[in-house]
Every structure is written in C-alpha cells, then in structure tokens.
N, C-alpha and C. Protein backbone atom coordinates (compact mmCIF):
# COMPACT_ATOMS: atom_id res chain seq x y z
N MET A 1 1.20 -0.93 -0.30
CA MET A 1 0.38 -0.23 0.23
C MET A 1 0.92 1.19 -0.65
N ASN A 2 0.67 2.33 -0.32
CA ASN A 2 1.54 3.11 -0.86
C ASN A 2 0.98 4.18 -0.19
N SER A 3 1.81 5.11 1.36
CA SER A 3 1.46 5.97 1.84
C SER A 3 0.87 7.69 1.14
N VAL A 4 0.43 8.59 1.55
CA VAL A 4 0.41 9.68 0.83
C VAL A 4 1.04 10.37 0.82
N THR A 5 2.57 10.02 0.87
CA THR A 5 3.60 10.69 1.10
C THR A 5 4.41 10.11 -0.43
N GLN A 6 3.76 9.46 -0.68
CA GLN A 6 4.63 8.48 -2.12
C GLN A 6 3.34 8.66 -2.81
N GLN A 7 2.20 8.94 -2.80
CA GLN A 7 1.35 9.70 -3.18
C GLN A 7 1.65 10.53 -4.09
N VAL A 8 2.14 11.89 -3.16
CA VAL A 8 1.83 12.66 -3.61
C VAL A 8 3.12 12.95 -4.53
N LEU A 9 4.30 12.38 -3.81
CA LEU A 9 5.47 12.83 -4.95
C LEU A 9 5.60 12.04 -6.74
N ASN A 10 4.23 10.85 -6.13
CA ASN A 10 4.43 10.12 -7.32
C ASN A 10 3.93 11.04 -8.52
N ALA A 11 2.67 12.43 -8.05
CA ALA A 11 1.49 13.39 -8.42
C ALA A 11 2.68 13.68 -8.58
N PHE A 12 2.97 14.59 -7.91
CA PHE A 12 4.41 15.90 -8.10
C PHE A 12 5.02 15.40 -9.97
N PHE A 13 6.08 14.61 -9.85
CA PHE A 13 6.47 13.55 -10.50
C PHE A 13 5.78 13.72 -11.94
N TYR A 14 3.97 12.99 -12.56
CA TYR A 14 3.91 13.53 -13.20
C TYR A 14 3.89 14.28 -13.65
N TYR A 15 2.14 14.91 -13.02
CA TYR A 15 1.94 16.08 -13.40
C TYR A 15 3.25 17.48 -13.97
N GLY A 16 4.52 17.05 -12.96
CA GLY A 16 6.09 18.11 -13.28
C GLY A 16 6.42 17.68 -14.58
N CYS A 17 6.46 15.92 -15.25
CA CYS A 17 6.71 16.10 -15.86
C CYS A 17 5.55 16.35 -17.71
N ILE A 18 4.73 16.36 -17.17
CA ILE A 18 3.56 16.74 -18.25
C ILE A 18 3.89 18.34 -18.51
N SER A 19 4.15 19.29 -17.29
CA SER A 19 4.31 20.48 -17.76
C SER A 19 5.69 21.00 -18.42
N LEU A 20 6.82 20.14 -18.13
CA LEU A 20 7.64 20.47 -18.23
C LEU A 20 8.18 20.55 -19.52
N THR A 21 7.33 18.89 -20.14
CA THR A 21 7.47 18.55 -21.69
C THR A 21 6.37 19.67 -22.58
N LEU A 22 5.69 19.99 -21.85
CA LEU A 22 4.70 21.23 -22.64
C LEU A 22 5.49 21.96 -22.99
N ALA A 23 5.60 22.45 -21.86
CA ALA A 23 6.53 23.87 -22.53
C ALA A 23 7.75 24.24 -23.08
N LEU A 24 8.02 22.93 -22.67
CA LEU A 24 9.36 22.13 -24.28
C LEU A 24 8.71 21.91 -25.70
N GLY A 25 7.21 22.03 -26.03
CA GLY A 25 7.06 22.15 -27.33
C GLY A 25 6.58 22.92 -27.50
N ILE A 26 5.98 23.96 -26.32
CA ILE A 26 5.08 24.60 -26.85
C ILE A 26 6.87 25.67 -27.47
N ALA A 27 8.04 26.29 -26.86
CA ALA A 27 8.87 26.88 -26.97
C ALA A 27 9.49 26.60 -28.41
N ALA A 28 9.66 25.52 -28.06
CA ALA A 28 10.21 25.16 -29.60
C ALA A 28 9.65 25.36 -30.97
N LEU A 29 7.83 25.45 -30.95
CA LEU A 29 7.23 25.54 -31.60
C LEU A 29 7.34 27.30 -31.78
N VAL A 30 7.48 27.73 -31.23
CA VAL A 30 7.12 29.39 -31.08
C VAL A 30 9.14 29.54 -31.46
N SER A 31 9.86 29.04 -31.62
CA SER A 31 11.23 29.34 -31.69
C SER A 31 11.92 28.74 -33.28
N GLY A 32 10.56 27.62 -33.33
CA GLY A 32 10.72 27.55 -35.10
C GLY A 32 9.91 28.37 -36.12
N LEU A 33 8.67 29.07 -35.88
CA LEU A 33 7.55 29.91 -36.00
C LEU A 33 8.62 30.90 -36.43
N ALA A 34 9.39 31.28 -35.39
CA ALA A 34 10.33 32.59 -35.22
C ALA A 34 11.67 32.15 -36.34
N ALA A 35 12.35 31.35 -36.96
CA ALA A 35 13.11 30.63 -37.75
C ALA A 35 12.62 30.80 -38.65
N HIS A 36 11.50 30.54 -39.10
CA HIS A 36 10.48 30.00 -39.65
C HIS A 36 11.04 31.50 -41.21
N LEU A 37 10.04 32.86 -40.27
CA LEU A 37 9.44 34.04 -40.67
C LEU A 37 11.26 34.78 -40.89
N ASN A 38 11.93 34.33 -40.21
CA ASN A 38 13.46 34.86 -40.57
C ASN A 38 14.30 34.10 -42.18
N GLY A 39 13.72 33.61 -42.21
CA GLY A 39 14.72 32.59 -43.31
C GLY A 39 15.27 30.94 -43.30
N MET A 40 15.05 30.47 -42.09
CA MET A 40 16.01 29.96 -41.56
C MET A 40 15.29 28.23 -42.12
N LEU A 41 15.36 27.82 -42.31
CA LEU A 41 14.19 26.89 -43.08
C LEU A 41 14.37 25.97 -42.81
N ALA A 42 15.91 24.96 -42.75
CA ALA A 42 16.16 24.28 -41.63
C ALA A 42 15.99 24.04 -40.11
N VAL A 43 16.80 25.33 -39.79
CA VAL A 43 16.51 25.71 -37.64
C VAL A 43 15.29 25.16 -37.55
N ALA A 44 14.17 26.14 -38.34
CA ALA A 44 12.56 26.00 -38.46
C ALA A 44 11.98 24.37 -38.42
N THR A 45 12.34 23.60 -39.35
CA THR A 45 11.90 22.75 -39.46
C THR A 45 12.28 21.35 -38.48
N LEU A 46 13.84 21.58 -38.04
CA LEU A 46 14.28 20.78 -37.03
C LEU A 46 14.03 21.32 -35.78
N ASN A 47 13.56 22.84 -35.53
CA ASN A 47 12.83 23.59 -34.16
C ASN A 47 10.55 22.68 -34.00
N TYR A 48 10.47 22.79 -35.64
CA TYR A 48 8.99 21.43 -35.21
C TYR A 48 8.80 20.65 -35.05
N PHE A 49 9.94 19.66 -35.25
CA PHE A 49 10.16 18.37 -35.03
C PHE A 49 10.49 18.60 -33.61
N VAL A 50 11.16 18.62 -32.71
CA VAL A 50 11.53 18.69 -31.94
C VAL A 50 10.25 19.14 -30.68
N GLY A 51 9.31 20.17 -31.19
CA GLY A 51 8.61 20.75 -30.48
C GLY A 51 7.05 19.40 -31.00
N PHE A 52 6.94 19.45 -31.62
CA PHE A 52 5.85 17.87 -32.55
C PHE A 52 5.70 16.87 -31.43
N LEU A 53 6.92 16.55 -31.43
CA LEU A 53 7.44 14.86 -30.25
C LEU A 53 7.19 15.28 -28.58
N SER A 54 7.99 16.50 -28.67
CA SER A 54 7.63 16.35 -27.48
C SER A 54 5.69 16.88 -27.01
N LEU A 55 5.57 17.80 -27.85
CA LEU A 55 3.90 17.61 -27.40
C LEU A 55 3.18 15.83 -27.49
N SER A 56 3.91 15.15 -28.39
CA SER A 56 3.20 13.91 -28.54
C SER A 56 3.71 12.99 -27.26
N THR A 57 5.49 12.77 -27.17
CA THR A 57 5.46 12.44 -25.67
C THR A 57 4.59 13.04 -24.76
N ALA A 58 4.19 13.83 -24.01
CA ALA A 58 4.00 14.70 -22.89
C ALA A 58 2.23 14.14 -23.21
N HIS A 59 1.60 14.14 -24.68
CA HIS A 59 -0.41 13.52 -24.65
C HIS A 59 0.29 12.03 -24.26
N TRP A 60 1.54 11.05 -24.24
CA TRP A 60 1.36 9.88 -24.69
C TRP A 60 2.02 9.75 -23.09
N VAL A 61 2.52 10.46 -22.30
CA VAL A 61 2.63 9.90 -20.63
C VAL A 61 1.29 10.77 -19.63
N TYR A 62 0.88 11.45 -20.12
CA TYR A 62 -0.46 11.89 -19.80
C TYR A 62 -1.77 10.26 -19.88
N SER A 63 -2.00 10.59 -21.22
CA SER A 63 -1.89 9.13 -21.54
C SER A 63 -2.73 8.04 -20.49
N LYS A 64 -1.04 7.26 -20.96
CA LYS A 64 -0.07 6.24 -20.26
C LYS A 64 0.17 5.86 -19.19
N GLY A 65 0.13 7.15 -19.05
CA GLY A 65 1.20 7.08 -17.11
C GLY A 65 0.13 7.44 -16.17
N LYS A 66 -1.03 7.68 -16.94
CA LYS A 66 -2.35 6.82 -15.34
C LYS A 66 -1.89 6.11 -13.69
N LYS A 67 -1.20 5.34 -14.17
CA LYS A 67 -1.76 4.20 -13.43
C LYS A 67 -0.06 4.90 -12.63
N ILE A 68 0.17 5.75 -12.84
CA ILE A 68 1.41 5.87 -11.47
C ILE A 68 0.81 6.64 -10.37
N LEU A 69 -0.65 6.84 -10.71
CA LEU A 69 -1.56 7.67 -9.36
C LEU A 69 -2.60 7.09 -9.10
N VAL A 70 -2.75 4.72 -9.38
CA VAL A 70 -3.35 4.38 -8.79
C VAL A 70 -2.95 4.29 -7.23
N CYS A 71 -3.72 3.73 -6.43
CA CYS A 71 -3.27 3.62 -5.16
C CYS A 71 -3.83 2.44 -4.78
N TYR A 72 -2.85 2.04 -3.99
CA TYR A 72 -3.06 -0.03 -4.21
C TYR A 72 -3.82 0.05 -2.78
C-alpha cells in the first residue's frame, strides 16, 4: 500500500513531467516559427520536429502514465 507521501511525490513527478514537456514543446514551436519567419528553414524544421515530438510525448505520458497515480 502506498503512503500519502508516496502518492504526493508520484503526482508531483507525473504532472511536473507533463508540464515541463508541454513547455518545451510550445517553446520549440514558437522558436521554429521565428526561425521560419527569418528564412532559416532548416532550423525551423528541426524546431518543429522537436516541438511536435515533445507534445506527443506529453500526450503519451498523460494517457499511459495515469497508472502511476493509482492507489493500491
């Protein structure tokens, strides 16, 4: 049986990972847009790739990682 402290730490880690990954994704997409507007298409493409990859990772963690928060 998990203690309350363990559940709080699991929730903090779970939502912290999602928040940081979403922040990385949004920052990479904004950076890609800025690079695209300045004519640096290769840099923009790389930033778009990183942005969408991190957003999909955040979605995966959110959908598949909910079992971390299950109380036993």
